[in-house]
Amino acid sequence: VLITGGSGLLGQQLTKQLQEAGYSVAWL
């Protein structure tokens, strides 16, 4: 899953939840 704006408040929380669910997360 690629996230733009990953360093923001929502992006950081979403990154954590996706990783806990087994996804590979990338930021753009």
mmCIF file of all heavy atoms, coordinates in Angstrom:
data_MODEL
# 
_entry.id   MODEL 
# 
loop_
_atom_site.group_PDB 
_atom_site.id 
_atom_site.type_symbol 
_atom_site.label_atom_id 
_atom_site.label_alt_id 
_atom_site.label_comp_id 
_atom_site.label_asym_id 
_atom_site.label_entity_id 
_atom_site.label_seq_id 
_atom_site.pdbx_PDB_ins_code 
_atom_site.Cartn_x 
_atom_site.Cartn_y 
_atom_site.Cartn_z 
_atom_site.occupancy 
_atom_site.B_iso_or_equiv 
_atom_site.pdbx_formal_charge 
_atom_site.auth_seq_id 
_atom_site.auth_comp_id 
_atom_site.auth_asym_id 
_atom_site.auth_atom_id 
_atom_site.pdbx_PDB_model_num 
ATOM 1   N N   . VAL A 1 1  ? 0.865  -1.173 0.000  1.00 0.00 ? 1  VAL A N   1 
ATOM 2   C CA  . VAL A 1 1  ? 0.000  0.000  0.000  1.00 0.00 ? 1  VAL A CA  1 
ATOM 3   C C   . VAL A 1 1  ? 0.907  1.230  0.000  1.00 0.00 ? 1  VAL A C   1 
ATOM 4   O O   . VAL A 1 1  ? 1.824  1.330  0.815  1.00 0.00 ? 1  VAL A O   1 
ATOM 5   C CB  . VAL A 1 1  ? -0.928 0.028  1.237  1.00 0.00 ? 1  VAL A CB  1 
ATOM 6   C CG1 . VAL A 1 1  ? -1.733 1.312  1.275  1.00 0.00 ? 1  VAL A CG1 1 
ATOM 7   C CG2 . VAL A 1 1  ? -1.846 -1.183 1.242  1.00 0.00 ? 1  VAL A CG2 1 
ATOM 8   N N   . LEU A 1 2  ? 0.656  2.149  -0.921 1.00 0.00 ? 2  LEU A N   1 
ATOM 9   C CA  . LEU A 1 2  ? 1.418  3.386  -1.022 1.00 0.00 ? 2  LEU A CA  1 
ATOM 10  C C   . LEU A 1 2  ? 0.582  4.520  -0.439 1.00 0.00 ? 2  LEU A C   1 
ATOM 11  O O   . LEU A 1 2  ? -0.589 4.674  -0.787 1.00 0.00 ? 2  LEU A O   1 
ATOM 12  C CB  . LEU A 1 2  ? 1.748  3.678  -2.487 1.00 0.00 ? 2  LEU A CB  1 
ATOM 13  C CG  . LEU A 1 2  ? 2.548  4.943  -2.770 1.00 0.00 ? 2  LEU A CG  1 
ATOM 14  C CD1 . LEU A 1 2  ? 3.963  4.814  -2.209 1.00 0.00 ? 2  LEU A CD1 1 
ATOM 15  C CD2 . LEU A 1 2  ? 2.596  5.202  -4.264 1.00 0.00 ? 2  LEU A CD2 1 
ATOM 16  N N   . ILE A 1 3  ? 1.193  5.303  0.450  1.00 0.00 ? 3  ILE A N   1 
ATOM 17  C CA  . ILE A 1 3  ? 0.483  6.408  1.097  1.00 0.00 ? 3  ILE A CA  1 
ATOM 18  C C   . ILE A 1 3  ? 1.187  7.717  0.777  1.00 0.00 ? 3  ILE A C   1 
ATOM 19  O O   . ILE A 1 3  ? 2.383  7.851  1.020  1.00 0.00 ? 3  ILE A O   1 
ATOM 20  C CB  . ILE A 1 3  ? 0.414  6.232  2.626  1.00 0.00 ? 3  ILE A CB  1 
ATOM 21  C CG1 . ILE A 1 3  ? -0.275 4.919  2.998  1.00 0.00 ? 3  ILE A CG1 1 
ATOM 22  C CG2 . ILE A 1 3  ? -0.300 7.412  3.266  1.00 0.00 ? 3  ILE A CG2 1 
ATOM 23  C CD1 . ILE A 1 3  ? -0.270 4.627  4.489  1.00 0.00 ? 3  ILE A CD1 1 
ATOM 24  N N   . THR A 1 4  ? 0.456  8.679  0.251  1.00 0.00 ? 4  THR A N   1 
ATOM 25  C CA  . THR A 1 4  ? 0.973  10.041 0.139  1.00 0.00 ? 4  THR A CA  1 
ATOM 26  C C   . THR A 1 4  ? 0.559  10.763 1.415  1.00 0.00 ? 4  THR A C   1 
ATOM 27  O O   . THR A 1 4  ? -0.540 10.549 1.923  1.00 0.00 ? 4  THR A O   1 
ATOM 28  C CB  . THR A 1 4  ? 0.408  10.788 -1.081 1.00 0.00 ? 4  THR A CB  1 
ATOM 29  O OG1 . THR A 1 4  ? -0.996 10.995 -0.910 1.00 0.00 ? 4  THR A OG1 1 
ATOM 30  C CG2 . THR A 1 4  ? 0.649  10.023 -2.371 1.00 0.00 ? 4  THR A CG2 1 
ATOM 31  N N   . GLY A 1 5  ? 1.439  11.577 1.955  1.00 0.00 ? 5  GLY A N   1 
ATOM 32  C CA  . GLY A 1 5  ? 1.122  12.248 3.218  1.00 0.00 ? 5  GLY A CA  1 
ATOM 33  C C   . GLY A 1 5  ? 1.241  11.323 4.403  1.00 0.00 ? 5  GLY A C   1 
ATOM 34  O O   . GLY A 1 5  ? 0.582  11.512 5.424  1.00 0.00 ? 5  GLY A O   1 
ATOM 35  N N   . GLY A 1 6  ? 2.082  10.318 4.290  1.00 0.00 ? 6  GLY A N   1 
ATOM 36  C CA  . GLY A 1 6  ? 2.225  9.324  5.349  1.00 0.00 ? 6  GLY A CA  1 
ATOM 37  C C   . GLY A 1 6  ? 2.789  9.855  6.650  1.00 0.00 ? 6  GLY A C   1 
ATOM 38  O O   . GLY A 1 6  ? 2.569  9.272  7.703  1.00 0.00 ? 6  GLY A O   1 
ATOM 39  N N   . SER A 1 7  ? 3.520  10.964 6.597  1.00 0.00 ? 7  SER A N   1 
ATOM 40  C CA  . SER A 1 7  ? 4.136  11.490 7.816  1.00 0.00 ? 7  SER A CA  1 
ATOM 41  C C   . SER A 1 7  ? 3.169  12.308 8.671  1.00 0.00 ? 7  SER A C   1 
ATOM 42  O O   . SER A 1 7  ? 3.491  12.652 9.808  1.00 0.00 ? 7  SER A O   1 
ATOM 43  C CB  . SER A 1 7  ? 5.353  12.354 7.471  1.00 0.00 ? 7  SER A CB  1 
ATOM 44  O OG  . SER A 1 7  ? 4.957  13.486 6.728  1.00 0.00 ? 7  SER A OG  1 
ATOM 45  N N   . GLY A 1 8  ? 1.991  12.568 8.167  1.00 0.00 ? 8  GLY A N   1 
ATOM 46  C CA  . GLY A 1 8  ? 0.988  13.304 8.934  1.00 0.00 ? 8  GLY A CA  1 
ATOM 47  C C   . GLY A 1 8  ? 0.343  12.432 10.003 1.00 0.00 ? 8  GLY A C   1 
ATOM 48  O O   . GLY A 1 8  ? 0.588  11.230 10.087 1.00 0.00 ? 8  GLY A O   1 
ATOM 49  N N   . LEU A 1 9  ? -0.481 13.059 10.820 1.00 0.00 ? 9  LEU A N   1 
ATOM 50  C CA  . LEU A 1 9  ? -1.130 12.358 11.934 1.00 0.00 ? 9  LEU A CA  1 
ATOM 51  C C   . LEU A 1 9  ? -1.918 11.128 11.457 1.00 0.00 ? 9  LEU A C   1 
ATOM 52  O O   . LEU A 1 9  ? -1.756 10.028 11.988 1.00 0.00 ? 9  LEU A O   1 
ATOM 53  C CB  . LEU A 1 9  ? -2.055 13.321 12.690 1.00 0.00 ? 9  LEU A CB  1 
ATOM 54  C CG  . LEU A 1 9  ? -2.746 12.767 13.926 1.00 0.00 ? 9  LEU A CG  1 
ATOM 55  C CD1 . LEU A 1 9  ? -1.717 12.409 14.993 1.00 0.00 ? 9  LEU A CD1 1 
ATOM 56  C CD2 . LEU A 1 9  ? -3.734 13.776 14.474 1.00 0.00 ? 9  LEU A CD2 1 
ATOM 57  N N   . LEU A 1 10 ? -2.768 11.301 10.453 1.00 0.00 ? 10 LEU A N   1 
ATOM 58  C CA  . LEU A 1 10 ? -3.557 10.173 9.940  1.00 0.00 ? 10 LEU A CA  1 
ATOM 59  C C   . LEU A 1 10 ? -2.681 9.134  9.258  1.00 0.00 ? 10 LEU A C   1 
ATOM 60  O O   . LEU A 1 10 ? -2.878 7.929  9.428  1.00 0.00 ? 10 LEU A O   1 
ATOM 61  C CB  . LEU A 1 10 ? -4.626 10.667 8.963  1.00 0.00 ? 10 LEU A CB  1 
ATOM 62  C CG  . LEU A 1 10 ? -5.757 11.490 9.550  1.00 0.00 ? 10 LEU A CG  1 
ATOM 63  C CD1 . LEU A 1 10 ? -6.671 11.999 8.442  1.00 0.00 ? 10 LEU A CD1 1 
ATOM 64  C CD2 . LEU A 1 10 ? -6.549 10.684 10.553 1.00 0.00 ? 10 LEU A CD2 1 
ATOM 65  N N   . GLY A 1 11 ? -1.708 9.614  8.478  1.00 0.00 ? 11 GLY A N   1 
ATOM 66  C CA  . GLY A 1 11 ? -0.832 8.698  7.758  1.00 0.00 ? 11 GLY A CA  1 
ATOM 67  C C   . GLY A 1 11 ? -0.019 7.810  8.681  1.00 0.00 ? 11 GLY A C   1 
ATOM 68  O O   . GLY A 1 11 ? 0.165  6.618  8.407  1.00 0.00 ? 11 GLY A O   1 
ATOM 69  N N   . GLN A 1 12 ? 0.474  8.366  9.766  1.00 0.00 ? 12 GLN A N   1 
ATOM 70  C CA  . GLN A 1 12 ? 1.256  7.578  10.713 1.00 0.00 ? 12 GLN A CA  1 
ATOM 71  C C   . GLN A 1 12 ? 0.409  6.503  11.375 1.00 0.00 ? 12 GLN A C   1 
ATOM 72  O O   . GLN A 1 12 ? 0.842  5.352  11.521 1.00 0.00 ? 12 GLN A O   1 
ATOM 73  C CB  . GLN A 1 12 ? 1.872  8.489  11.776 1.00 0.00 ? 12 GLN A CB  1 
ATOM 74  C CG  . GLN A 1 12 ? 2.976  9.358  11.238 1.00 0.00 ? 12 GLN A CG  1 
ATOM 75  C CD  . GLN A 1 12 ? 3.576  10.238 12.318 1.00 0.00 ? 12 GLN A CD  1 
ATOM 76  O OE1 . GLN A 1 12 ? 3.744  9.803  13.463 1.00 0.00 ? 12 GLN A OE1 1 
ATOM 77  N NE2 . GLN A 1 12 ? 3.895  11.469 11.969 1.00 0.00 ? 12 GLN A NE2 1 
ATOM 78  N N   . GLN A 1 13 ? -0.794 6.858  11.775 1.00 0.00 ? 13 GLN A N   1 
ATOM 79  C CA  . GLN A 1 13 ? -1.679 5.879  12.411 1.00 0.00 ? 13 GLN A CA  1 
ATOM 80  C C   . GLN A 1 13 ? -2.104 4.803  11.422 1.00 0.00 ? 13 GLN A C   1 
ATOM 81  O O   . GLN A 1 13 ? -2.134 3.615  11.752 1.00 0.00 ? 13 GLN A O   1 
ATOM 82  C CB  . GLN A 1 13 ? -2.907 6.577  13.009 1.00 0.00 ? 13 GLN A CB  1 
ATOM 83  C CG  . GLN A 1 13 ? -3.798 5.658  13.798 1.00 0.00 ? 13 GLN A CG  1 
ATOM 84  C CD  . GLN A 1 13 ? -3.111 5.033  15.005 1.00 0.00 ? 13 GLN A CD  1 
ATOM 85  O OE1 . GLN A 1 13 ? -2.266 5.623  15.651 1.00 0.00 ? 13 GLN A OE1 1 
ATOM 86  N NE2 . GLN A 1 13 ? -3.470 3.806  15.312 1.00 0.00 ? 13 GLN A NE2 1 
ATOM 87  N N   . LEU A 1 14 ? -2.425 5.207  10.200 1.00 0.00 ? 14 LEU A N   1 
ATOM 88  C CA  . LEU A 1 14 ? -2.823 4.245  9.172  1.00 0.00 ? 14 LEU A CA  1 
ATOM 89  C C   . LEU A 1 14 ? -1.671 3.302  8.843  1.00 0.00 ? 14 LEU A C   1 
ATOM 90  O O   . LEU A 1 14 ? -1.877 2.096  8.683  1.00 0.00 ? 14 LEU A O   1 
ATOM 91  C CB  . LEU A 1 14 ? -3.285 4.988  7.911  1.00 0.00 ? 14 LEU A CB  1 
ATOM 92  C CG  . LEU A 1 14 ? -3.766 4.125  6.756  1.00 0.00 ? 14 LEU A CG  1 
ATOM 93  C CD1 . LEU A 1 14 ? -4.938 3.245  7.165  1.00 0.00 ? 14 LEU A CD1 1 
ATOM 94  C CD2 . LEU A 1 14 ? -4.152 5.006  5.580  1.00 0.00 ? 14 LEU A CD2 1 
ATOM 95  N N   . THR A 1 15 ? -0.459 3.839  8.769  1.00 0.00 ? 15 THR A N   1 
ATOM 96  C CA  . THR A 1 15 ? 0.724  3.011  8.512  1.00 0.00 ? 15 THR A CA  1 
ATOM 97  C C   . THR A 1 15 ? 0.850  1.929  9.574  1.00 0.00 ? 15 THR A C   1 
ATOM 98  O O   . THR A 1 15 ? 1.039  0.748  9.247  1.00 0.00 ? 15 THR A O   1 
ATOM 99  C CB  . THR A 1 15 ? 1.994  3.884  8.485  1.00 0.00 ? 15 THR A CB  1 
ATOM 100 O OG1 . THR A 1 15 ? 1.915  4.788  7.378  1.00 0.00 ? 15 THR A OG1 1 
ATOM 101 C CG2 . THR A 1 15 ? 3.249  3.034  8.360  1.00 0.00 ? 15 THR A CG2 1 
ATOM 102 N N   . LYS A 1 16 ? 0.732  2.314  10.814 1.00 0.00 ? 16 LYS A N   1 
ATOM 103 C CA  . LYS A 1 16 ? 0.841  1.359  11.925 1.00 0.00 ? 16 LYS A CA  1 
ATOM 104 C C   . LYS A 1 16 ? -0.216 0.259  11.826 1.00 0.00 ? 16 LYS A C   1 
ATOM 105 O O   . LYS A 1 16 ? 0.083  -0.921 11.954 1.00 0.00 ? 16 LYS A O   1 
ATOM 106 C CB  . LYS A 1 16 ? 0.703  2.108  13.253 1.00 0.00 ? 16 LYS A CB  1 
ATOM 107 C CG  . LYS A 1 16 ? 0.811  1.246  14.470 1.00 0.00 ? 16 LYS A CG  1 
ATOM 108 C CD  . LYS A 1 16 ? 0.646  2.069  15.736 1.00 0.00 ? 16 LYS A CD  1 
ATOM 109 C CE  . LYS A 1 16 ? 0.619  1.179  16.955 1.00 0.00 ? 16 LYS A CE  1 
ATOM 110 N NZ  . LYS A 1 16 ? 0.366  1.928  18.190 1.00 0.00 ? 16 LYS A NZ  1 
ATOM 111 N N   . GLN A 1 17 ? -1.458 0.655  11.559 1.00 0.00 ? 17 GLN A N   1 
ATOM 112 C CA  . GLN A 1 17 ? -2.539 -0.325 11.473 1.00 0.00 ? 17 GLN A CA  1 
ATOM 113 C C   . GLN A 1 17 ? -2.370 -1.269 10.281 1.00 0.00 ? 17 GLN A C   1 
ATOM 114 O O   . GLN A 1 17 ? -2.622 -2.473 10.398 1.00 0.00 ? 17 GLN A O   1 
ATOM 115 C CB  . GLN A 1 17 ? -3.890 0.388  11.403 1.00 0.00 ? 17 GLN A CB  1 
ATOM 116 C CG  . GLN A 1 17 ? -4.262 1.048  12.704 1.00 0.00 ? 17 GLN A CG  1 
ATOM 117 C CD  . GLN A 1 17 ? -5.595 1.770  12.656 1.00 0.00 ? 17 GLN A CD  1 
ATOM 118 O OE1 . GLN A 1 17 ? -6.213 1.916  11.604 1.00 0.00 ? 17 GLN A OE1 1 
ATOM 119 N NE2 . GLN A 1 17 ? -6.045 2.253  13.799 1.00 0.00 ? 17 GLN A NE2 1 
ATOM 120 N N   . LEU A 1 18 ? -1.941 -0.726 9.149  1.00 0.00 ? 18 LEU A N   1 
ATOM 121 C CA  . LEU A 1 18 ? -1.725 -1.577 7.976  1.00 0.00 ? 18 LEU A CA  1 
ATOM 122 C C   . LEU A 1 18 ? -0.590 -2.570 8.213  1.00 0.00 ? 18 LEU A C   1 
ATOM 123 O O   . LEU A 1 18 ? -0.703 -3.748 7.853  1.00 0.00 ? 18 LEU A O   1 
ATOM 124 C CB  . LEU A 1 18 ? -1.431 -0.722 6.741  1.00 0.00 ? 18 LEU A CB  1 
ATOM 125 C CG  . LEU A 1 18 ? -2.618 0.022  6.145  1.00 0.00 ? 18 LEU A CG  1 
ATOM 126 C CD1 . LEU A 1 18 ? -2.146 1.051  5.109  1.00 0.00 ? 18 LEU A CD1 1 
ATOM 127 C CD2 . LEU A 1 18 ? -3.601 -0.953 5.505  1.00 0.00 ? 18 LEU A CD2 1 
ATOM 128 N N   . GLN A 1 19 ? 0.491  -2.117 8.823  1.00 0.00 ? 19 GLN A N   1 
ATOM 129 C CA  . GLN A 1 19 ? 1.604  -3.013 9.115  1.00 0.00 ? 19 GLN A CA  1 
ATOM 130 C C   . GLN A 1 19 ? 1.180  -4.112 10.086 1.00 0.00 ? 19 GLN A C   1 
ATOM 131 O O   . GLN A 1 19 ? 1.551  -5.272 9.911  1.00 0.00 ? 19 GLN A O   1 
ATOM 132 C CB  . GLN A 1 19 ? 2.791  -2.234 9.675  1.00 0.00 ? 19 GLN A CB  1 
ATOM 133 C CG  . GLN A 1 19 ? 3.483  -1.404 8.616  1.00 0.00 ? 19 GLN A CG  1 
ATOM 134 C CD  . GLN A 1 19 ? 4.603  -0.558 9.196  1.00 0.00 ? 19 GLN A CD  1 
ATOM 135 O OE1 . GLN A 1 19 ? 4.501  -0.031 10.297 1.00 0.00 ? 19 GLN A OE1 1 
ATOM 136 N NE2 . GLN A 1 19 ? 5.671  -0.421 8.422  1.00 0.00 ? 19 GLN A NE2 1 
ATOM 137 N N   . GLU A 1 20 ? 0.391  -3.757 11.088 1.00 0.00 ? 20 GLU A N   1 
ATOM 138 C CA  . GLU A 1 20 ? -0.097 -4.763 12.045 1.00 0.00 ? 20 GLU A CA  1 
ATOM 139 C C   . GLU A 1 20 ? -0.993 -5.789 11.367 1.00 0.00 ? 20 GLU A C   1 
ATOM 140 O O   . GLU A 1 20 ? -1.073 -6.934 11.804 1.00 0.00 ? 20 GLU A O   1 
ATOM 141 C CB  . GLU A 1 20 ? -0.836 -4.081 13.192 1.00 0.00 ? 20 GLU A CB  1 
ATOM 142 C CG  . GLU A 1 20 ? 0.082  -3.330 14.141 1.00 0.00 ? 20 GLU A CG  1 
ATOM 143 C CD  . GLU A 1 20 ? -0.658 -2.503 15.181 1.00 0.00 ? 20 GLU A CD  1 
ATOM 144 O OE1 . GLU A 1 20 ? -1.908 -2.412 15.132 1.00 0.00 ? 20 GLU A OE1 1 
ATOM 145 O OE2 . GLU A 1 20 ? 0.025  -1.925 16.050 1.00 0.00 ? 20 GLU A OE2 1 
ATOM 146 N N   . ALA A 1 21 ? -1.654 -5.375 10.270 1.00 0.00 ? 21 ALA A N   1 
ATOM 147 C CA  . ALA A 1 21 ? -2.522 -6.285 9.514  1.00 0.00 ? 21 ALA A CA  1 
ATOM 148 C C   . ALA A 1 21 ? -1.742 -7.073 8.460  1.00 0.00 ? 21 ALA A C   1 
ATOM 149 O O   . ALA A 1 21 ? -2.338 -7.843 7.704  1.00 0.00 ? 21 ALA A O   1 
ATOM 150 C CB  . ALA A 1 21 ? -3.652 -5.497 8.853  1.00 0.00 ? 21 ALA A CB  1 
ATOM 151 N N   . GLY A 1 22 ? -0.418 -6.862 8.394  1.00 0.00 ? 22 GLY A N   1 
ATOM 152 C CA  . GLY A 1 22 ? 0.412  -7.655 7.491  1.00 0.00 ? 22 GLY A CA  1 
ATOM 153 C C   . GLY A 1 22 ? 0.732  -7.023 6.149  1.00 0.00 ? 22 GLY A C   1 
ATOM 154 O O   . GLY A 1 22 ? 1.285  -7.690 5.279  1.00 0.00 ? 22 GLY A O   1 
ATOM 155 N N   . TYR A 1 23 ? 0.396  -5.754 5.963  1.00 0.00 ? 23 TYR A N   1 
ATOM 156 C CA  . TYR A 1 23 ? 0.682  -5.063 4.701  1.00 0.00 ? 23 TYR A CA  1 
ATOM 157 C C   . TYR A 1 23 ? 2.096  -4.493 4.701  1.00 0.00 ? 23 TYR A C   1 
ATOM 158 O O   . TYR A 1 23 ? 2.629  -4.119 5.743  1.00 0.00 ? 23 TYR A O   1 
ATOM 159 C CB  . TYR A 1 23 ? -0.303 -3.911 4.470  1.00 0.00 ? 23 TYR A CB  1 
ATOM 160 C CG  . TYR A 1 23 ? -1.684 -4.359 4.112  1.00 0.00 ? 23 TYR A CG  1 
ATOM 161 C CD1 . TYR A 1 23 ? -2.622 -4.642 5.111  1.00 0.00 ? 23 TYR A CD1 1 
ATOM 162 C CD2 . TYR A 1 23 ? -2.083 -4.498 2.788  1.00 0.00 ? 23 TYR A CD2 1 
ATOM 163 C CE1 . TYR A 1 23 ? -3.902 -5.056 4.793  1.00 0.00 ? 23 TYR A CE1 1 
ATOM 164 C CE2 . TYR A 1 23 ? -3.359 -4.904 2.459  1.00 0.00 ? 23 TYR A CE2 1 
ATOM 165 C CZ  . TYR A 1 23 ? -4.259 -5.191 3.463  1.00 0.00 ? 23 TYR A CZ  1 
ATOM 166 O OH  . TYR A 1 23 ? -5.532 -5.601 3.146  1.00 0.00 ? 23 TYR A OH  1 
ATOM 167 N N   . SER A 1 24 ? 2.658  -4.398 3.513  1.00 0.00 ? 24 SER A N   1 
ATOM 168 C CA  . SER A 1 24 ? 3.893  -3.661 3.290  1.00 0.00 ? 24 SER A CA  1 
ATOM 169 C C   . SER A 1 24 ? 3.479  -2.233 2.957  1.00 0.00 ? 24 SER A C   1 
ATOM 170 O O   . SER A 1 24 ? 2.678  -2.019 2.049  1.00 0.00 ? 24 SER A O   1 
ATOM 171 C CB  . SER A 1 24 ? 4.656  -4.283 2.127  1.00 0.00 ? 24 SER A CB  1 
ATOM 172 O OG  . SER A 1 24 ? 5.707  -3.465 1.724  1.00 0.00 ? 24 SER A OG  1 
ATOM 173 N N   . VAL A 1 25 ? 4.017  -1.259 3.683  1.00 0.00 ? 25 VAL A N   1 
ATOM 174 C CA  . VAL A 1 25 ? 3.603  0.125  3.501  1.00 0.00 ? 25 VAL A CA  1 
ATOM 175 C C   . VAL A 1 25 ? 4.764  0.947  2.948  1.00 0.00 ? 25 VAL A C   1 
ATOM 176 O O   . VAL A 1 25 ? 5.904  0.805  3.393  1.00 0.00 ? 25 VAL A O   1 
ATOM 177 C CB  . VAL A 1 25 ? 3.112  0.749  4.829  1.00 0.00 ? 25 VAL A CB  1 
ATOM 178 C CG1 . VAL A 1 25 ? 2.708  2.200  4.631  1.00 0.00 ? 25 VAL A CG1 1 
ATOM 179 C CG2 . VAL A 1 25 ? 1.933  -0.053 5.380  1.00 0.00 ? 25 VAL A CG2 1 
ATOM 180 N N   . ALA A 1 26 ? 4.454  1.784  1.972  1.00 0.00 ? 26 ALA A N   1 
ATOM 181 C CA  . ALA A 1 26 ? 5.433  2.711  1.401  1.00 0.00 ? 26 ALA A CA  1 
ATOM 182 C C   . ALA A 1 26 ? 4.842  4.112  1.449  1.00 0.00 ? 26 ALA A C   1 
ATOM 183 O O   . ALA A 1 26 ? 3.628  4.289  1.368  1.00 0.00 ? 26 ALA A O   1 
ATOM 184 C CB  . ALA A 1 26 ? 5.759  2.328  -0.035 1.00 0.00 ? 26 ALA A CB  1 
ATOM 185 N N   . TRP A 1 27 ? 5.733  5.105  1.599  1.00 0.00 ? 27 TRP A N   1 
ATOM 186 C CA  . TRP A 1 27 ? 5.316  6.506  1.606  1.00 0.00 ? 27 TRP A CA  1 
ATOM 187 C C   . TRP A 1 27 ? 5.856  7.195  0.371  1.00 0.00 ? 27 TRP A C   1 
ATOM 188 O O   . TRP A 1 27 ? 6.987  6.967  -0.036 1.00 0.00 ? 27 TRP A O   1 
ATOM 189 C CB  . TRP A 1 27 ? 5.862  7.231  2.811  1.00 0.00 ? 27 TRP A CB  1 
ATOM 190 C CG  . TRP A 1 27 ? 5.219  6.908  4.125  1.00 0.00 ? 27 TRP A CG  1 
ATOM 191 C CD1 . TRP A 1 27 ? 4.222  6.006  4.366  1.00 0.00 ? 27 TRP A CD1 1 
ATOM 192 C CD2 . TRP A 1 27 ? 5.535  7.489  5.380  1.00 0.00 ? 27 TRP A CD2 1 
ATOM 193 N NE1 . TRP A 1 27 ? 3.912  6.001  5.702  1.00 0.00 ? 27 TRP A NE1 1 
ATOM 194 C CE2 . TRP A 1 27 ? 4.703  6.900  6.351  1.00 0.00 ? 27 TRP A CE2 1 
ATOM 195 C CE3 . TRP A 1 27 ? 6.446  8.436  5.786  1.00 0.00 ? 27 TRP A CE3 1 
ATOM 196 C CZ2 . TRP A 1 27 ? 4.751  7.238  7.692  1.00 0.00 ? 27 TRP A CZ2 1 
ATOM 197 C CZ3 . TRP A 1 27 ? 6.497  8.780  7.132  1.00 0.00 ? 27 TRP A CZ3 1 
ATOM 198 C CH2 . TRP A 1 27 ? 5.656  8.192  8.076  1.00 0.00 ? 27 TRP A CH2 1 
ATOM 199 N N   . LEU A 1 28 ? 5.060  8.064  -0.173 1.00 0.00 ? 28 LEU A N   1 
ATOM 200 C CA  . LEU A 1 28 ? 5.457  8.898  -1.303 1.00 0.00 ? 28 LEU A CA  1 
ATOM 201 C C   . LEU A 1 28 ? 5.427  10.343 -0.838 1.00 0.00 ? 28 LEU A C   1 
ATOM 202 O O   . LEU A 1 28 ? 4.385  10.829 -0.393 1.00 0.00 ? 28 LEU A O   1 
ATOM 203 C CB  . LEU A 1 28 ? 4.489  8.696  -2.475 1.00 0.00 ? 28 LEU A CB  1 
ATOM 204 C CG  . LEU A 1 28 ? 4.797  9.474  -3.747 1.00 0.00 ? 28 LEU A CG  1 
ATOM 205 C CD1 . LEU A 1 28 ? 6.101  9.010  -4.365 1.00 0.00 ? 28 LEU A CD1 1 
ATOM 206 C CD2 . LEU A 1 28 ? 3.660  9.295  -4.747 1.00 0.00 ? 28 LEU A CD2 1 
# 
